Amino acid sequence: MAAKEPKNLLQVAKAQLETAKAQIEVARVQEKIVMAQAEAQ
């Protein structure tokens, strides 16, 4: 059981990194939408 912990922590860290990357992509898309809306007005 104890031997698996580091691998699990690594998997959790990788998952958190993927989540952060996805959030950054979402933020970039939202920024583009806001910019487009601002230009349209």
Protein backbone atom coordinates (compact mmCIF):
# COMPACT_ATOMS: atom_id res chain seq x y z
CA MET A 1 0.00 0.00 0.00
CA ALA A 2 2.68 2.50 1.03
CA ALA A 3 4.68 1.76 -2.12
CA LYS A 4 1.77 2.89 -4.29
CA GLU A 5 1.43 6.31 -2.65
CA PRO A 6 4.13 8.17 -4.62
CA LYS A 7 2.66 6.93 -7.92
CA ASN A 8 -0.82 7.96 -6.85
CA LEU A 9 0.47 11.40 -5.84
CA LEU A 10 2.15 11.71 -9.22
CA GLN A 11 -1.10 10.77 -10.96
CA VAL A 12 -2.99 13.33 -8.88
CA ALA A 13 -0.42 16.00 -9.74
CA LYS A 14 -0.69 15.14 -13.44
CA ALA A 15 -4.48 15.33 -13.25
CA GLN A 16 -4.26 18.72 -11.53
CA LEU A 17 -1.89 19.93 -14.23
CA GLU A 18 -4.29 18.79 -16.96
CA THR A 19 -7.13 20.53 -15.14
CA ALA A 20 -5.10 23.74 -14.91
CA LYS A 21 -4.27 23.56 -18.62
CA ALA A 22 -7.94 23.11 -19.45
CA GLN A 23 -8.87 26.09 -17.25
CA ILE A 24 -6.27 28.22 -19.02
CA GLU A 25 -7.74 27.23 -22.39
CA VAL A 26 -11.23 28.12 -21.16
CA ALA A 27 -9.95 31.48 -19.90
CA ARG A 28 -8.34 32.20 -23.28
CA VAL A 29 -11.58 31.44 -25.10
CA GLN A 30 -13.55 33.61 -22.68
CA GLU A 31 -11.06 36.43 -23.20
CA LYS A 32 -11.52 36.19 -26.98
CA ILE A 33 -15.30 36.32 -26.53
CA VAL A 34 -15.04 39.40 -24.31
CA MET A 35 -12.72 41.09 -26.80
CA ALA A 36 -15.09 40.31 -29.67
CA GLN A 37 -18.05 41.66 -27.72
CA ALA A 38 -16.14 44.82 -26.85
CA GLU A 39 -15.24 45.37 -30.52
CA ALA A 40 -18.84 44.75 -31.59
CA GLN A 41 -20.19 47.51 -29.35
